Every structure is written in C-alpha cells, then in structure tokens.
Amino acid sequence: MLVKKHLNLLGLPVTDKVTGFSGVVESISFDLYGCVQAVVKPPIKEDGDTRDGRWFDVSRLAVKSEKPVMRLPNFEYGLQAEGKQGAA
C-alpha cells in the first residue's frame, strides 16, 4: 500500500534533491489535489536555536538512513490512532 510507504518516511533523515535542505521528516500530508508532501525539520543550530521545517513533495526526498530517529506513534490502534492523544 503506497499510503503506508509514505507514512514510513516519518522520523527518517532526508535531503531534498533540488535544494540540498536536510532534516528529519516530522509530518506527512495527503491533500485534495493529489500531492503527498512532507515537513522536513532541520537540526538545531549550534547555539541551540531551532529552525522551521519546510514542505517538500515526497518525490524530491532522498532518504539518508532507513532507521527512524525515534520510535513512531502507533497510528493503527489505541489513543493515538483515535486522535485522542499525541505522542508526547
């Protein structure tokens, strides 16, 4: 199932093939017009300052590692799947 393939990008370190922007996929979006996009959140700066994530079409992303940076929420069963509790 391709939806699962896109959801499996969550938590993976990626690089945008066009701009070179790198970070971790923190969100996946399926929109009404057929676009599948991901929010890529860059690492924290040396001084501890955070930067905003950017949206990219998933077809532009190169996966740098198949290992997620953290354990993913269970979107199939339980409170998180029902939208009643966030991962935190």
PDB file of N, CA and C in Angstrom:
ATOM      1  N   MET A   1       0.838  -1.167   0.000  1.00  0.00           N
ATOM      2  CA  MET A   1       0.000   0.000   0.000  1.00  0.00           C
ATOM      3  C   MET A   1       0.892   1.243   0.000  1.00  0.00           C
ATOM      4  N   LEU A   2       0.675   2.139  -0.952  1.00  0.00           N
ATOM      5  CA  LEU A   2       1.529   3.313  -1.080  1.00  0.00           C
ATOM      6  C   LEU A   2       1.342   4.323   0.049  1.00  0.00           C
ATOM      7  N   VAL A   3       0.154   4.383   0.637  1.00  0.00           N
ATOM      8  CA  VAL A   3      -0.050   5.292   1.770  1.00  0.00           C
ATOM      9  C   VAL A   3       0.913   4.912   2.886  1.00  0.00           C
ATOM     10  N   LYS A   4       1.026   3.648   3.181  1.00  0.00           N
ATOM     11  CA  LYS A   4       1.937   3.167   4.232  1.00  0.00           C
ATOM     12  C   LYS A   4       3.393   3.498   3.868  1.00  0.00           C
ATOM     13  N   LYS A   5       3.733   3.380   2.590  1.00  0.00           N
ATOM     14  CA  LYS A   5       5.093   3.712   2.139  1.00  0.00           C
ATOM     15  C   LYS A   5       5.416   5.171   2.479  1.00  0.00           C
ATOM     16  N   HIS A   6       4.468   6.065   2.220  1.00  0.00           N
ATOM     17  CA  HIS A   6       4.692   7.481   2.521  1.00  0.00           C
ATOM     18  C   HIS A   6       4.753   7.715   4.030  1.00  0.00           C
ATOM     19  N   LEU A   7       3.872   7.066   4.785  1.00  0.00           N
ATOM     20  CA  LEU A   7       3.887   7.221   6.239  1.00  0.00           C
ATOM     21  C   LEU A   7       5.182   6.690   6.849  1.00  0.00           C
ATOM     22  N   ASN A   8       5.788   5.709   6.202  1.00  0.00           N
ATOM     23  CA  ASN A   8       7.050   5.148   6.703  1.00  0.00           C
ATOM     24  C   ASN A   8       8.220   6.124   6.593  1.00  0.00           C
ATOM     25  N   LEU A   9       8.012   7.263   5.929  1.00  0.00           N
ATOM     26  CA  LEU A   9       9.047   8.303   5.882  1.00  0.00           C
ATOM     27  C   LEU A   9       9.162   9.047   7.211  1.00  0.00           C
ATOM     28  N   LEU A  10       8.118   8.983   8.031  1.00  0.00           N
ATOM     29  CA  LEU A  10       8.138   9.697   9.311  1.00  0.00           C
ATOM     30  C   LEU A  10       9.352   9.290  10.145  1.00  0.00           C
ATOM     31  N   GLY A  11      10.050  10.290  10.640  1.00  0.00           N
ATOM     32  CA  GLY A  11      11.199  10.040  11.507  1.00  0.00           C
ATOM     33  C   GLY A  11      12.509   9.756  10.788  1.00  0.00           C
ATOM     34  N   LEU A  12      12.476   9.672   9.456  1.00  0.00           N
ATOM     35  CA  LEU A  12      13.704   9.363   8.720  1.00  0.00           C
ATOM     36  C   LEU A  12      14.472  10.633   8.357  1.00  0.00           C
ATOM     37  N   PRO A  13      15.796  10.580   8.420  1.00  0.00           N
ATOM     38  CA  PRO A  13      16.597  11.700   7.938  1.00  0.00           C
ATOM     39  C   PRO A  13      16.599  11.703   6.401  1.00  0.00           C
ATOM     40  N   VAL A  14      16.340  12.881   5.829  1.00  0.00           N
ATOM     41  CA  VAL A  14      16.241  13.005   4.377  1.00  0.00           C
ATOM     42  C   VAL A  14      16.945  14.272   3.905  1.00  0.00           C
ATOM     43  N   THR A  15      17.176  14.332   2.589  1.00  0.00           N
ATOM     44  CA  THR A  15      17.697  15.530   1.934  1.00  0.00           C
ATOM     45  C   THR A  15      16.850  15.800   0.706  1.00  0.00           C
ATOM     46  N   ASP A  16      16.494  17.077   0.500  1.00  0.00           N
ATOM     47  CA  ASP A  16      15.780  17.459  -0.711  1.00  0.00           C
ATOM     48  C   ASP A  16      16.761  17.427  -1.875  1.00  0.00           C
ATOM     49  N   LYS A  17      16.408  16.707  -2.935  1.00  0.00           N
ATOM     50  CA  LYS A  17      17.299  16.528  -4.088  1.00  0.00           C
ATOM     51  C   LYS A  17      17.541  17.826  -4.843  1.00  0.00           C
ATOM     52  N   VAL A  18      16.628  18.794  -4.747  1.00  0.00           N
ATOM     53  CA  VAL A  18      16.750  20.040  -5.507  1.00  0.00           C
ATOM     54  C   VAL A  18      17.557  21.097  -4.755  1.00  0.00           C
ATOM     55  N   THR A  19      17.224  21.316  -3.476  1.00  0.00           N
ATOM     56  CA  THR A  19      17.856  22.405  -2.721  1.00  0.00           C
ATOM     57  C   THR A  19      18.978  21.962  -1.797  1.00  0.00           C
ATOM     58  N   GLY A  20      19.026  20.666  -1.469  1.00  0.00           N
ATOM     59  CA  GLY A  20      20.012  20.179  -0.514  1.00  0.00           C
ATOM     60  C   GLY A  20      19.597  20.354   0.931  1.00  0.00           C
ATOM     61  N   PHE A  21      18.388  20.874   1.167  1.00  0.00           N
ATOM     62  CA  PHE A  21      17.871  21.058   2.526  1.00  0.00           C
ATOM     63  C   PHE A  21      17.755  19.696   3.195  1.00  0.00           C
ATOM     64  N   SER A  22      18.283  19.570   4.414  1.00  0.00           N
ATOM     65  CA  SER A  22      18.292  18.282   5.117  1.00  0.00           C
ATOM     66  C   SER A  22      17.618  18.395   6.473  1.00  0.00           C
ATOM     67  N   GLY A  23      17.101  17.262   6.929  1.00  0.00           N
ATOM     68  CA  GLY A  23      16.493  17.196   8.241  1.00  0.00           C
ATOM     69  C   GLY A  23      15.741  15.890   8.408  1.00  0.00           C
ATOM     70  N   VAL A  24      14.800  15.883   9.339  1.00  0.00           N
ATOM     71  CA  VAL A  24      14.014  14.690   9.660  1.00  0.00           C
ATOM     72  C   VAL A  24      12.561  14.934   9.254  1.00  0.00           C
ATOM     73  N   VAL A  25      11.935  13.933   8.637  1.00  0.00           N
ATOM     74  CA  VAL A  25      10.522  14.046   8.269  1.00  0.00           C
ATOM     75  C   VAL A  25       9.691  13.997   9.544  1.00  0.00           C
ATOM     76  N   GLU A  26       8.957  15.097   9.817  1.00  0.00           N
ATOM     77  CA  GLU A  26       8.147  15.137  11.033  1.00  0.00           C
ATOM     78  C   GLU A  26       6.651  15.106  10.756  1.00  0.00           C
ATOM     79  N   SER A  27       6.243  15.232   9.495  1.00  0.00           N
ATOM     80  CA  SER A  27       4.820  15.179   9.163  1.00  0.00           C
ATOM     81  C   SER A  27       4.658  14.811   7.695  1.00  0.00           C
ATOM     82  N   ILE A  28       3.562  14.087   7.391  1.00  0.00           N
ATOM     83  CA  ILE A  28       3.207  13.733   6.020  1.00  0.00           C
ATOM     84  C   ILE A  28       1.803  14.260   5.757  1.00  0.00           C
ATOM     85  N   SER A  29       1.587  14.803   4.564  1.00  0.00           N
ATOM     86  CA  SER A  29       0.277  15.355   4.211  1.00  0.00           C
ATOM     87  C   SER A  29      -0.192  14.794   2.873  1.00  0.00           C
ATOM     88  N   PHE A  30      -1.469  14.421   2.837  1.00  0.00           N
ATOM     89  CA  PHE A  30      -2.129  13.979   1.614  1.00  0.00           C
ATOM     90  C   PHE A  30      -3.197  15.022   1.317  1.00  0.00           C
ATOM     91  N   ASP A  31      -3.053  15.793   0.212  1.00  0.00           N
ATOM     92  CA  ASP A  31      -4.032  16.853   0.012  1.00  0.00           C
ATOM     93  C   ASP A  31      -5.076  16.512  -1.051  1.00  0.00           C
ATOM     94  N   LEU A  32      -6.064  17.343  -1.137  1.00  0.00           N
ATOM     95  CA  LEU A  32      -7.211  17.146  -2.012  1.00  0.00           C
ATOM     96  C   LEU A  32      -6.819  17.067  -3.483  1.00  0.00           C
ATOM     97  N   TYR A  33      -5.705  17.662  -3.858  1.00  0.00           N
ATOM     98  CA  TYR A  33      -5.284  17.726  -5.258  1.00  0.00           C
ATOM     99  C   TYR A  33      -4.312  16.622  -5.648  1.00  0.00           C
ATOM    100  N   GLY A  34      -4.048  15.712  -4.732  1.00  0.00           N
ATOM    101  CA  GLY A  34      -3.212  14.568  -5.047  1.00  0.00           C
ATOM    102  C   GLY A  34      -1.762  14.686  -4.644  1.00  0.00           C
ATOM    103  N   CYS A  35      -1.377  15.793  -4.042  1.00  0.00           N
ATOM    104  CA  CYS A  35       0.014  15.962  -3.607  1.00  0.00           C
ATOM    105  C   CYS A  35       0.253  15.195  -2.314  1.00  0.00           C
ATOM    106  N   VAL A  36       1.405  14.555  -2.238  1.00  0.00           N
ATOM    107  CA  VAL A  36       1.867  13.945  -0.993  1.00  0.00           C
ATOM    108  C   VAL A  36       3.138  14.703  -0.625  1.00  0.00           C
ATOM    109  N   GLN A  37       3.090  15.367   0.522  1.00  0.00           N
ATOM    110  CA  GLN A  37       4.202  16.201   0.929  1.00  0.00           C
ATOM    111  C   GLN A  37       4.646  15.860   2.347  1.00  0.00           C
ATOM    112  N   ALA A  38       5.870  16.267   2.648  1.00  0.00           N
ATOM    113  CA  ALA A  38       6.443  16.024   3.973  1.00  0.00           C
ATOM    114  C   ALA A  38       7.008  17.319   4.522  1.00  0.00           C
ATOM    115  N   VAL A  39       6.879  17.497   5.835  1.00  0.00           N
ATOM    116  CA  VAL A  39       7.576  18.581   6.517  1.00  0.00           C
ATOM    117  C   VAL A  39       8.926  18.025   6.949  1.00  0.00           C
ATOM    118  N   VAL A  40       9.991  18.691   6.526  1.00  0.00           N
ATOM    119  CA  VAL A  40      11.351  18.302   6.902  1.00  0.00           C
ATOM    120  C   VAL A  40      11.856  19.327   7.905  1.00  0.00           C
ATOM    121  N   LYS A  41      12.170  18.852   9.108  1.00  0.00           N
ATOM    122  CA  LYS A  41      12.642  19.717  10.197  1.00  0.00           C
ATOM    123  C   LYS A  41      14.163  19.624  10.282  1.00  0.00           C
ATOM    124  N   PRO A  42      14.878  20.758  10.089  1.00  0.00           N
ATOM    125  CA  PRO A  42      16.342  20.719  10.147  1.00  0.00           C
ATOM    126  C   PRO A  42      16.839  20.563  11.579  1.00  0.00           C
ATOM    127  N   PRO A  43      18.105  20.192  11.738  1.00  0.00           N
ATOM    128  CA  PRO A  43      18.663  20.047  13.090  1.00  0.00           C
ATOM    129  C   PRO A  43      18.742  21.394  13.812  1.00  0.00           C
ATOM    130  N   ILE A  44      18.852  21.335  15.126  1.00  0.00           N
ATOM    131  CA  ILE A  44      19.013  22.536  15.946  1.00  0.00           C
ATOM    132  C   ILE A  44      20.389  23.130  15.664  1.00  0.00           C
ATOM    133  N   LYS A  45      20.461  24.458  15.609  1.00  0.00           N
ATOM    134  CA  LYS A  45      21.730  25.149  15.361  1.00  0.00           C
ATOM    135  C   LYS A  45      22.689  24.962  16.532  1.00  0.00           C
ATOM    136  N   GLU A  46      23.950  25.256  16.304  1.00  0.00           N
ATOM    137  CA  GLU A  46      24.989  25.137  17.333  1.00  0.00           C
ATOM    138  C   GLU A  46      24.643  25.930  18.596  1.00  0.00           C
ATOM    139  N   ASP A  47      24.002  27.111  18.417  1.00  0.00           N
ATOM    140  CA  ASP A  47      23.678  27.962  19.567  1.00  0.00           C
ATOM    141  C   ASP A  47      22.377  27.544  20.262  1.00  0.00           C
ATOM    142  N   GLY A  48      21.774  26.424  19.823  1.00  0.00           N
ATOM    143  CA  GLY A  48      20.552  25.926  20.439  1.00  0.00           C
ATOM    144  C   GLY A  48      19.276  26.472  19.816  1.00  0.00           C
ATOM    145  N   ASP A  49      19.424  27.380  18.856  1.00  0.00           N
ATOM    146  CA  ASP A  49      18.256  27.960  18.194  1.00  0.00           C
ATOM    147  C   ASP A  49      17.631  26.938  17.238  1.00  0.00           C
ATOM    148  N   THR A  50      16.313  26.897  17.220  1.00  0.00           N
ATOM    149  CA  THR A  50      15.615  25.979  16.319  1.00  0.00           C
ATOM    150  C   THR A  50      15.250  26.689  15.026  1.00  0.00           C
ATOM    151  N   ARG A  51      15.077  25.912  13.973  1.00  0.00           N
ATOM    152  CA  ARG A  51      14.673  26.450  12.673  1.00  0.00           C
ATOM    153  C   ARG A  51      13.368  25.797  12.263  1.00  0.00           C
ATOM    154  N   ASP A  52      12.590  26.505  11.469  1.00  0.00           N
ATOM    155  CA  ASP A  52      11.319  25.979  10.985  1.00  0.00           C
ATOM    156  C   ASP A  52      11.536  24.885   9.953  1.00  0.00           C
ATOM    157  N   GLY A  53      10.593  23.933   9.935  1.00  0.00           N
ATOM    158  CA  GLY A  53      10.594  22.915   8.908  1.00  0.00           C
ATOM    159  C   GLY A  53      10.047  23.478   7.601  1.00  0.00           C
ATOM    160  N   ARG A  54      10.288  22.774   6.524  1.00  0.00           N
ATOM    161  CA  ARG A  54       9.801  23.185   5.199  1.00  0.00           C
ATOM    162  C   ARG A  54       9.075  22.022   4.545  1.00  0.00           C
ATOM    163  N   TRP A  55       8.074  22.358   3.721  1.00  0.00           N
ATOM    164  CA  TRP A  55       7.297  21.358   2.995  1.00  0.00           C
ATOM    165  C   TRP A  55       7.993  20.993   1.691  1.00  0.00           C
ATOM    166  N   PHE A  56       8.025  19.678   1.386  1.00  0.00           N
ATOM    167  CA  PHE A  56       8.578  19.185   0.127  1.00  0.00           C
ATOM    168  C   PHE A  56       7.699  18.055  -0.405  1.00  0.00           C
ATOM    169  N   ASP A  57       7.574  17.954  -1.727  1.00  0.00           N
ATOM    170  CA  ASP A  57       6.941  16.777  -2.315  1.00  0.00           C
ATOM    171  C   ASP A  57       7.814  15.571  -1.975  1.00  0.00           C
ATOM    172  N   VAL A  58       7.195  14.460  -1.624  1.00  0.00           N
ATOM    173  CA  VAL A  58       7.977  13.296  -1.209  1.00  0.00           C
ATOM    174  C   VAL A  58       8.865  12.765  -2.328  1.00  0.00           C
ATOM    175  N   SER A  59       8.484  13.006  -3.577  1.00  0.00           N
ATOM    176  CA  SER A  59       9.300  12.532  -4.706  1.00  0.00           C
ATOM    177  C   SER A  59      10.650  13.242  -4.784  1.00  0.00           C
ATOM    178  N   ARG A  60      10.785  14.381  -4.107  1.00  0.00           N
ATOM    179  CA  ARG A  60      12.043  15.136  -4.104  1.00  0.00           C
ATOM    180  C   ARG A  60      12.988  14.707  -2.997  1.00  0.00           C
ATOM    181  N   LEU A  61      12.549  13.829  -2.118  1.00  0.00           N
ATOM    182  CA  LEU A  61      13.352  13.497  -0.941  1.00  0.00           C
ATOM    183  C   LEU A  61      14.207  12.254  -1.140  1.00  0.00           C
ATOM    184  N   ALA A  62      15.468  12.364  -0.754  1.00  0.00           N
ATOM    185  CA  ALA A  62      16.388  11.227  -0.743  1.00  0.00           C
ATOM    186  C   ALA A  62      16.560  10.807   0.712  1.00  0.00           C
ATOM    187  N   VAL A  63      16.240   9.562   1.006  1.00  0.00           N
ATOM    188  CA  VAL A  63      16.369   9.039   2.375  1.00  0.00           C
ATOM    189  C   VAL A  63      17.833   8.773   2.667  1.00  0.00           C
ATOM    190  N   LYS A  64      18.339   9.325   3.780  1.00  0.00           N
ATOM    191  CA  LYS A  64      19.743   9.157   4.154  1.00  0.00           C
ATOM    192  C   LYS A  64      19.969   7.944   5.045  1.00  0.00           C
ATOM    193  N   SER A  65      18.921   7.505   5.758  1.00  0.00           N
ATOM    194  CA  SER A  65      19.004   6.329   6.619  1.00  0.00           C
ATOM    195  C   SER A  65      17.609   5.741   6.754  1.00  0.00           C
ATOM    196  N   GLU A  66      17.524   4.418   6.774  1.00  0.00           N
ATOM    197  CA  GLU A  66      16.233   3.731   6.922  1.00  0.00           C
ATOM    198  C   GLU A  66      15.833   3.582   8.393  1.00  0.00           C
ATOM    199  N   LYS A  67      16.661   4.098   9.295  1.00  0.00           N
ATOM    200  CA  LYS A  67      16.386   3.982  10.731  1.00  0.00           C
ATOM    201  C   LYS A  67      15.777   5.297  11.236  1.00  0.00           C
ATOM    202  N   PRO A  68      14.524   5.256  11.767  1.00  0.00           N
ATOM    203  CA  PRO A  68      13.921   6.478  12.308  1.00  0.00           C
ATOM    204  C   PRO A  68      14.712   7.008  13.493  1.00  0.00           C
ATOM    205  N   VAL A  69      14.665   8.320  13.682  1.00  0.00           N
ATOM    206  CA  VAL A  69      15.411   8.943  14.779  1.00  0.00           C
ATOM    207  C   VAL A  69      14.750   8.717  16.136  1.00  0.00           C
ATOM    208  N   MET A  70      13.495   8.287  16.138  1.00  0.00           N
ATOM    209  CA  MET A  70      12.799   7.962  17.381  1.00  0.00           C
ATOM    210  C   MET A  70      11.701   6.942  17.088  1.00  0.00           C
ATOM    211  N   ARG A  71      11.169   6.328  18.146  1.00  0.00           N
ATOM    212  CA  ARG A  71      10.081   5.378  17.991  1.00  0.00           C
ATOM    213  C   ARG A  71       8.831   6.109  17.513  1.00  0.00           C
ATOM    214  N   LEU A  72       8.161   5.568  16.499  1.00  0.00           N
ATOM    215  CA  LEU A  72       6.991   6.220  15.930  1.00  0.00           C
ATOM    216  C   LEU A  72       5.728   5.891  16.706  1.00  0.00           C
ATOM    217  N   PRO A  73       4.767   6.810  16.703  1.00  0.00           N
ATOM    218  CA  PRO A  73       3.478   6.521  17.337  1.00  0.00           C
ATOM    219  C   PRO A  73       2.769   5.383  16.606  1.00  0.00           C
ATOM    220  N   ASN A  74       1.861   4.715  17.289  1.00  0.00           N
ATOM    221  CA  ASN A  74       1.050   3.668  16.672  1.00  0.00           C
ATOM    222  C   ASN A  74      -0.192   4.333  16.088  1.00  0.00           C
ATOM    223  N   PHE A  75      -0.241   4.432  14.760  1.00  0.00           N
ATOM    224  CA  PHE A  75      -1.356   5.081  14.090  1.00  0.00           C
ATOM    225  C   PHE A  75      -2.474   4.104  13.743  1.00  0.00           C
ATOM    226  N   GLU A  76      -2.309   2.822  14.103  1.00  0.00           N
ATOM    227  CA  GLU A  76      -3.318   1.822  13.754  1.00  0.00           C
ATOM    228  C   GLU A  76      -4.240   1.473  14.912  1.00  0.00           C
ATOM    229  N   TYR A  77      -3.742   1.490  16.151  1.00  0.00           N
ATOM    230  CA  TYR A  77      -4.538   1.101  17.319  1.00  0.00           C
ATOM    231  C   TYR A  77      -4.246   2.016  18.490  1.00  0.00           C
ATOM    232  N   GLY A  78      -5.217   2.197  19.364  1.00  0.00           N
ATOM    233  CA  GLY A  78      -5.011   2.924  20.606  1.00  0.00           C
ATOM    234  C   GLY A  78      -5.398   4.389  20.525  1.00  0.00           C
ATOM    235  N   LEU A  79      -5.090   5.114  21.599  1.00  0.00           N
ATOM    236  CA  LEU A  79      -5.494   6.510  21.714  1.00  0.00           C
ATOM    237  C   LEU A  79      -4.922   7.396  20.623  1.00  0.00           C
ATOM    238  N   GLN A  80      -3.673   7.171  20.240  1.00  0.00           N
ATOM    239  CA  GLN A  80      -3.067   7.996  19.180  1.00  0.00           C
ATOM    240  C   GLN A  80      -3.769   7.751  17.857  1.00  0.00           C
ATOM    241  N   ALA A  81      -4.093   6.516  17.546  1.00  0.00           N
ATOM    242  CA  ALA A  81      -4.789   6.195  16.305  1.00  0.00           C
ATOM    243  C   ALA A  81      -6.182   6.810  16.274  1.00  0.00           C
ATOM    244  N   GLU A  82      -6.805   6.946  17.435  1.00  0.00           N
ATOM    245  CA  GLU A  82      -8.134   7.531  17.535  1.00  0.00           C
ATOM    246  C   GLU A  82      -8.106   9.058  17.585  1.00  0.00           C
ATOM    247  N   GLY A  83      -6.894   9.651  17.585  1.00  0.00           N
ATOM    248  CA  GLY A  83      -6.761  11.096  17.650  1.00  0.00           C
ATOM    249  C   GLY A  83      -7.037  11.685  19.022  1.00  0.00           C
ATOM    250  N   LYS A  84      -6.924  10.856  20.055  1.00  0.00           N
ATOM    251  CA  LYS A  84      -7.238  11.299  21.415  1.00  0.00           C
ATOM    252  C   LYS A  84      -6.001  11.606  22.248  1.00  0.00           C
ATOM    253  N   GLN A  85      -4.796  11.301  21.723  1.00  0.00           N
ATOM    254  CA  GLN A  85      -3.570  11.540  22.476  1.00  0.00           C
ATOM    255  C   GLN A  85      -2.420  11.716  21.499  1.00  0.00           C
ATOM    256  N   GLY A  86      -1.573  12.740  21.744  1.00  0.00           N
ATOM    257  CA  GLY A  86      -0.372  12.938  20.956  1.00  0.00           C
ATOM    258  C   GLY A  86       0.750  12.052  21.458  1.00  0.00           C
ATOM    259  N   ALA A  87       1.829  12.023  20.714  1.00  0.00           N
ATOM    260  CA  ALA A  87       2.970  11.159  21.071  1.00  0.00           C
ATOM    261  C   ALA A  87       3.620  11.594  22.383  1.00  0.00           C
ATOM    262  N   ALA A  88       3.597  12.890  22.663  1.00  0.00           N
ATOM    263  CA  ALA A  88       4.226  13.390  23.884  1.00  0.00           C
ATOM    264  C   ALA A  88       3.354  13.066  25.073  1.00  0.00           C
TER     265      ALA A  88
END
